[in-house]
Every structure is written in structure tokens, then in C-alpha cells.
C-alpha atoms as a PDB file:
ATOM      1  CA  UNK A   1      51.043  31.297  33.120  1.00  0.00           C
ATOM      2  CA  UNK A   2      52.414  30.454  29.527  1.00  0.00           C
ATOM      3  CA  UNK A   3      52.332  34.081  27.918  1.00  0.00           C
ATOM      4  CA  UNK A   4      54.308  35.535  31.172  1.00  0.00           C
ATOM      5  CA  UNK A   5      57.494  33.037  30.126  1.00  0.00           C
ATOM      6  CA  UNK A   6      57.520  33.264  26.723  1.00  0.00           C
ATOM      7  CA  UNK A   7      56.826  36.777  27.361  1.00  0.00           C
ATOM      8  CA  UNK A   8      60.035  37.083  29.997  1.00  0.00           C
ATOM      9  CA  UNK A   9      62.145  34.565  27.140  1.00  0.00           C
ATOM     10  CA  UNK A  10      61.519  37.353  24.477  1.00  0.00           C
ATOM     11  CA  UNK A  11      62.818  40.200  26.878  1.00  0.00           C
ATOM     12  CA  UNK A  12      66.465  38.690  27.190  1.00  0.00           C
ATOM     13  CA  UNK A  13      67.101  38.591  24.111  1.00  0.00           C
ATOM     14  CA  UNK A  14      65.554  42.143  22.862  1.00  0.00           C
ATOM     15  CA  UNK A  15      67.844  43.258  25.845  1.00  0.00           C
ATOM     16  CA  UNK A  16      70.772  41.975  25.345  1.00  0.00           C
ATOM     17  CA  UNK A  17      70.674  43.460  21.523  1.00  0.00           C
ATOM     18  CA  UNK A  18      69.736  46.855  23.104  1.00  0.00           C
ATOM     19  CA  UNK A  19      72.822  46.621  25.164  1.00  0.00           C
ATOM     20  CA  UNK A  20      74.807  45.450  22.403  1.00  0.00           C
ATOM     21  CA  UNK A  21      73.925  47.739  20.187  1.00  0.00           C
ATOM     22  CA  UNK A  22      73.892  50.659  23.111  1.00  0.00           C
ATOM     23  CA  UNK A  23      77.541  49.889  23.552  1.00  0.00           C
ATOM     24  CA  UNK A  24      78.906  49.723  19.658  1.00  0.00           C
ATOM     25  CA  UNK A  25      77.320  52.705  19.070  1.00  0.00           C
ATOM     26  CA  UNK A  26      78.764  54.364  21.794  1.00  0.00           C
ATOM     27  CA  UNK A  27      82.041  52.815  21.425  1.00  0.00           C
ATOM     28  CA  UNK A  28      81.798  54.044  17.533  1.00  0.00           C
ATOM     29  CA  UNK A  29      80.903  58.041  18.740  1.00  0.00           C
ATOM     30  CA  UNK A  30      83.772  57.643  21.448  1.00  0.00           C
ATOM     31  CA  UNK A  31      86.180  56.696  18.641  1.00  0.00           C
ATOM     32  CA  UNK A  32      85.485  59.396  16.452  1.00  0.00           C
ATOM     33  CA  UNK A  33      85.895  61.670  18.953  1.00  0.00           C
ATOM     34  CA  UNK A  34      88.438  60.386  19.904  1.00  0.00           C
ATOM     35  CA  UNK A  35      90.414  60.655  16.619  1.00  0.00           C
ATOM     36  CA  UNK A  36      89.154  64.043  16.031  1.00  0.00           C
ATOM     37  CA  UNK A  37      90.613  65.079  19.629  1.00  0.00           C
ATOM     38  CA  UNK A  38      93.447  63.496  18.588  1.00  0.00           C
ATOM     39  CA  UNK A  39      94.211  65.206  15.175  1.00  0.00           C
ATOM     40  CA  UNK A  40      93.328  68.454  16.176  1.00  0.00           C
ATOM     41  CA  UNK A  41      95.808  68.006  19.351  1.00  0.00           C
ATOM     42  CA  UNK A  42      98.469  66.717  17.574  1.00  0.00           C
ATOM     43  CA  UNK A  43      98.151  69.109  14.778  1.00  0.00           C
ATOM     44  CA  UNK A  44      97.828  71.846  16.952  1.00  0.00           C
ATOM     45  CA  UNK A  45     101.325  70.349  19.613  1.00  0.00           C
ATOM     46  CA  UNK A  46     103.134  70.008  16.347  1.00  0.00           C
ATOM     47  CA  UNK A  47     102.648  72.859  13.890  1.00  0.00           C
ATOM     48  CA  UNK A  48     106.672  73.680  14.286  1.00  0.00           C
ATOM     49  CA  UNK A  49     106.722  77.412  13.444  1.00  0.00           C
ATOM     50  CA  UNK A  50     103.927  76.875  11.124  1.00  0.00           C
ATOM     51  CA  UNK A  51     105.877  76.887   8.347  1.00  0.00           C
ATOM     52  CA  UNK A  52     108.033  79.418   9.178  1.00  0.00           C
ATOM     53  CA  UNK A  53     108.633  82.334   6.943  1.00  0.00           C
ATOM     54  CA  UNK A  54     107.851  79.838   3.648  1.00  0.00           C
ATOM     55  CA  UNK A  55     104.977  81.422   3.670  1.00  0.00           C
ATOM     56  CA  UNK A  56     103.657  84.770   5.597  1.00  0.00           C
ATOM     57  CA  UNK A  57     100.760  87.088   5.953  1.00  0.00           C
ATOM     58  CA  UNK A  58     101.140  90.365   3.884  1.00  0.00           C
ATOM     59  CA  UNK A  59     101.559  93.295   6.424  1.00  0.00           C
ATOM     60  CA  UNK A  60      98.629  95.240   5.264  1.00  0.00           C
ATOM     61  CA  UNK A  61      96.138  92.429   5.608  1.00  0.00           C
ATOM     62  CA  UNK A  62      93.329  90.992   8.166  1.00  0.00           C
ATOM     63  CA  UNK A  63      95.000  87.652   8.855  1.00  0.00           C
ATOM     64  CA  UNK A  64      90.775  85.886   9.428  1.00  0.00           C
ATOM     65  CA  UNK A  65      91.827  84.916  13.190  1.00  0.00           C
ATOM     66  CA  UNK A  66      94.944  83.243  12.130  1.00  0.00           C
ATOM     67  CA  UNK A  67      98.689  84.031  13.587  1.00  0.00           C
ATOM     68  CA  UNK A  68     100.202  82.002  11.020  1.00  0.00           C
ATOM     69  CA  UNK A  69      99.737  80.718   7.448  1.00  0.00           C
ATOM     70  CA  UNK A  70     100.660  76.837   8.775  1.00  0.00           C
ATOM     71  CA  UNK A  71      97.479  77.322  11.857  1.00  0.00           C
ATOM     72  CA  UNK A  72      95.195  78.682   8.730  1.00  0.00           C
ATOM     73  CA  UNK A  73      96.511  75.285   6.920  1.00  0.00           C
ATOM     74  CA  UNK A  74      95.721  72.937   9.843  1.00  0.00           C
ATOM     75  CA  UNK A  75      92.551  74.843  10.939  1.00  0.00           C
ATOM     76  CA  UNK A  76      91.453  74.303   7.086  1.00  0.00           C
ATOM     77  CA  UNK A  77      92.139  70.616   7.946  1.00  0.00           C
ATOM     78  CA  UNK A  78      90.782  70.332  10.674  1.00  0.00           C
ATOM     79  CA  UNK A  79      87.252  72.124   9.104  1.00  0.00           C
ATOM     80  CA  UNK A  80      87.223  69.318   6.310  1.00  0.00           C
ATOM     81  CA  UNK A  81      88.039  66.587   8.347  1.00  0.00           C
ATOM     82  CA  UNK A  82      84.987  68.216  10.429  1.00  0.00           C
ATOM     83  CA  UNK A  83      82.500  68.387   7.382  1.00  0.00           C
ATOM     84  CA  UNK A  84      83.864  65.679   5.002  1.00  0.00           C
ATOM     85  CA  UNK A  85      85.724  63.464   6.683  1.00  0.00           C
ATOM     86  CA  UNK A  86      84.654  59.725   8.213  1.00  0.00           C
ATOM     87  CA  UNK A  87      82.099  59.457   5.745  1.00  0.00           C
ATOM     88  CA  UNK A  88      80.621  62.820   5.868  1.00  0.00           C
ATOM     89  CA  UNK A  89      81.315  63.434   2.148  1.00  0.00           C
ATOM     90  CA  UNK A  90      78.193  61.306   1.799  1.00  0.00           C
ATOM     91  CA  UNK A  91      75.694  64.336   3.388  1.00  0.00           C
ATOM     92  CA  UNK A  92      77.177  67.135   2.306  1.00  0.00           C
ATOM     93  CA  UNK A  93      76.024  70.814   3.845  1.00  0.00           C
ATOM     94  CA  UNK A  94      76.463  72.515   0.311  1.00  0.00           C
ATOM     95  CA  UNK A  95      75.584  76.397   1.904  1.00  0.00           C
ATOM     96  CA  UNK A  96      78.151  75.040   4.522  1.00  0.00           C
ATOM     97  CA  UNK A  97      81.137  74.287   2.218  1.00  0.00           C
ATOM     98  CA  UNK A  98      80.140  77.327  -0.194  1.00  0.00           C
ATOM     99  CA  UNK A  99      80.920  79.302   3.370  1.00  0.00           C
ATOM    100  CA  UNK A 100      84.218  77.261   3.755  1.00  0.00           C
ATOM    101  CA  UNK A 101      85.162  78.191   0.126  1.00  0.00           C
ATOM    102  CA  UNK A 102      84.685  81.787   0.130  1.00  0.00           C
ATOM    103  CA  UNK A 103      86.959  81.935   3.579  1.00  0.00           C
ATOM    104  CA  UNK A 104      89.579  80.271   1.641  1.00  0.00           C
ATOM    105  CA  UNK A 105      89.516  82.445  -1.080  1.00  0.00           C
ATOM    106  CA  UNK A 106      89.544  85.371   0.874  1.00  0.00           C
ATOM    107  CA  UNK A 107      92.500  84.019   3.531  1.00  0.00           C
ATOM    108  CA  UNK A 108      94.502  83.175   0.564  1.00  0.00           C
ATOM    109  CA  UNK A 109      94.234  86.635  -0.875  1.00  0.00           C
ATOM    110  CA  UNK A 110      96.546  87.565   2.255  1.00  0.00           C
ATOM    111  CA  UNK A 111      99.019  84.716   1.704  1.00  0.00           C
ATOM    112  CA  UNK A 112     102.773  85.963   0.604  1.00  0.00           C
ATOM    113  CA  UNK A 113     105.308  83.178  -0.902  1.00  0.00           C
ATOM    114  CA  UNK A 114     108.503  83.282  -2.929  1.00  0.00           C
ATOM    115  CA  UNK A 115     107.916  79.754  -2.800  1.00  0.00           C
ATOM    116  CA  UNK A 116     106.875  78.079  -6.523  1.00  0.00           C
ATOM    117  CA  UNK A 117     105.258  75.172  -5.489  1.00  0.00           C
ATOM    118  CA  UNK A 118     103.233  76.518  -2.537  1.00  0.00           C
ATOM    119  CA  UNK A 119     102.175  79.367  -4.836  1.00  0.00           C
ATOM    120  CA  UNK A 120     101.118  76.337  -7.282  1.00  0.00           C
ATOM    121  CA  UNK A 121      99.135  74.338  -4.508  1.00  0.00           C
ATOM    122  CA  UNK A 122      97.831  77.707  -3.345  1.00  0.00           C
ATOM    123  CA  UNK A 123      95.883  78.752  -7.124  1.00  0.00           C
ATOM    124  CA  UNK A 124      95.122  74.713  -6.890  1.00  0.00           C
ATOM    125  CA  UNK A 125      92.955  75.176  -3.895  1.00  0.00           C
ATOM    126  CA  UNK A 126      91.762  78.768  -5.047  1.00  0.00           C
ATOM    127  CA  UNK A 127      90.295  77.052  -7.930  1.00  0.00           C
ATOM    128  CA  UNK A 128      89.026  74.343  -6.565  1.00  0.00           C
ATOM    129  CA  UNK A 129      87.349  76.672  -3.741  1.00  0.00           C
ATOM    130  CA  UNK A 130      86.423  79.095  -6.748  1.00  0.00           C
ATOM    131  CA  UNK A 131      83.955  75.812  -8.138  1.00  0.00           C
ATOM    132  CA  UNK A 132      82.529  74.885  -5.061  1.00  0.00           C
ATOM    133  CA  UNK A 133      81.581  78.907  -4.305  1.00  0.00           C
ATOM    134  CA  UNK A 134      79.794  79.331  -7.564  1.00  0.00           C
ATOM    135  CA  UNK A 135      77.612  76.372  -5.997  1.00  0.00           C
ATOM    136  CA  UNK A 136      78.149  73.499  -7.978  1.00  0.00           C
ATOM    137  CA  UNK A 137      78.081  70.207  -6.025  1.00  0.00           C
ATOM    138  CA  UNK A 138      81.156  68.195  -7.159  1.00  0.00           C
ATOM    139  CA  UNK A 139      82.197  66.042  -4.531  1.00  0.00           C
ATOM    140  CA  UNK A 140      84.925  65.269  -5.982  1.00  0.00           C
ATOM    141  CA  UNK A 141      86.323  68.966  -6.012  1.00  0.00           C
ATOM    142  CA  UNK A 142      85.482  68.770  -2.080  1.00  0.00           C
ATOM    143  CA  UNK A 143      87.583  65.243  -1.946  1.00  0.00           C
ATOM    144  CA  UNK A 144      90.685  67.332  -3.606  1.00  0.00           C
ATOM    145  CA  UNK A 145      90.437  70.175  -1.300  1.00  0.00           C
ATOM    146  CA  UNK A 146      90.406  68.214   1.937  1.00  0.00           C
ATOM    147  CA  UNK A 147      93.507  66.160   0.637  1.00  0.00           C
ATOM    148  CA  UNK A 148      95.328  69.347  -0.348  1.00  0.00           C
ATOM    149  CA  UNK A 149      94.855  70.930   3.335  1.00  0.00           C
ATOM    150  CA  UNK A 150      95.815  67.193   4.631  1.00  0.00           C
ATOM    151  CA  UNK A 151      98.810  66.591   2.623  1.00  0.00           C
ATOM    152  CA  UNK A 152      99.624  70.599   3.341  1.00  0.00           C
ATOM    153  CA  UNK A 153      99.515  70.569   7.297  1.00  0.00           C
ATOM    154  CA  UNK A 154     101.831  67.443   6.926  1.00  0.00           C
ATOM    155  CA  UNK A 155     104.258  69.068   4.736  1.00  0.00           C
ATOM    156  CA  UNK A 156     103.819  72.921   6.014  1.00  0.00           C
ATOM    157  CA  UNK A 157     103.772  71.833   9.553  1.00  0.00           C
ATOM    158  CA  UNK A 158     105.760  69.198  10.013  1.00  0.00           C
ATOM    159  CA  UNK A 159     104.135  66.527  11.568  1.00  0.00           C
ATOM    160  CA  UNK A 160     104.146  62.626  10.189  1.00  0.00           C
ATOM    161  CA  UNK A 161     101.812  61.071  13.305  1.00  0.00           C
ATOM    162  CA  UNK A 162      99.662  59.508  10.298  1.00  0.00           C
ATOM    163  CA  UNK A 163      99.743  57.017   7.808  1.00  0.00           C
ATOM    164  CA  UNK A 164      97.427  58.708   5.144  1.00  0.00           C
ATOM    165  CA  UNK A 165      99.125  60.943   2.869  1.00  0.00           C
ATOM    166  CA  UNK A 166      97.553  61.289  -0.723  1.00  0.00           C
ATOM    167  CA  UNK A 167     100.949  63.311  -1.905  1.00  0.00           C
ATOM    168  CA  UNK A 168      99.367  65.383  -4.044  1.00  0.00           C
ATOM    169  CA  UNK A 169     101.047  68.845  -2.941  1.00  0.00           C
ATOM    170  CA  UNK A 170     103.911  70.325  -5.259  1.00  0.00           C
ATOM    171  CA  UNK A 171     105.155  71.594  -1.588  1.00  0.00           C
ATOM    172  CA  UNK A 172     107.353  69.705   0.047  1.00  0.00           C
ATOM    173  CA  UNK A 173     108.846  70.572   3.339  1.00  0.00           C
ATOM    174  CA  UNK A 174     113.130  69.866   3.016  1.00  0.00           C
ATOM    175  CA  UNK A 175     113.085  68.769   7.056  1.00  0.00           C
ATOM    176  CA  UNK A 176     110.041  66.796   6.301  1.00  0.00           C
ATOM    177  CA  UNK A 177     111.870  63.927   4.402  1.00  0.00           C
END
């Protein structure tokens, strides 16, 4: 009889622990997903005109499924959020990053702009992307790529609904100040 009561007394704390852990894990996953959805929605809804005529795809090039250069920037900012953000940089899938870098390089070769600051940012992004595409496993390079796309998404696409800003791009949208 005494063994049954000890067992019952142990079930209650264990059940409470599991309940608390489950609530915490569920909330954490919900919060992460909510944050990702919010970023995706807010970026897509606030693209203004995707940078207007500051940069366009060349007329005779395949646009890689991006309607504007602004949409391309936003898409890759989202890709880096999804693959590197929220601690994922500690568990990098390097083959996936090589594929992303290859696509970045491919798309950037089709972009035309007379804006020298934006040209410089795209040249830097291309340079970092080439490092990753070559197979070098440099987390710092990935971090910089993510930051460039993050800041360009804010500047080029004209939305400021974030307190995170790294101020690493040369391009600044005069309407965004």
C-alpha cells in the first residue's frame, strides 16, 4: 500500500514537469513560427514598388521567378532568416548554403543598376557568395550575407518595422530616412 502512494506522489510532479515543458516548447515553436510569418507578411506587404527603377532585371535575361529586384532581395532575406536565423547558424547545412549562394550569383548577374552604392553592395554580396559557393565553410561570411540582405530589404524595399539594423549597406533609400 505504501509503494502505491509513493508512486502516485511521484506522478504528480512528473506530470506537472512534462506539462510545463510541453507548454514552453509549444509556445517557443509558436513564437518562432509567428515571427517568421510576421517577417514574411510584413516584407511582402510593404515592398513599395520593389525599389522602383533603382535596379531592374536585364530585358533579355531569365528573372529566376522574381518580379522585381526588390522581390529578389526580400526572398533571399527570408531564405537566410529561415536557414540561419534564430540560432540556426550553429547548425549550418553547407550544401544548402552553397545552392543559395549559387542562385544569388546567378540572379545578380542579371541585375542592372546605375546606382553606384547598390552596385557596391551587390559586388560585396557576390564576393561573399562566391566564397560559400566554392565550398568554404565560413560562418562569418554567411552572417555578413544575411546582414546585407536584411539591411537591403529594409532600405531597398522601404520598410522599417524592425529594430535590428546593421547599417552595413552602402545603398540608402532617401525616402527611408
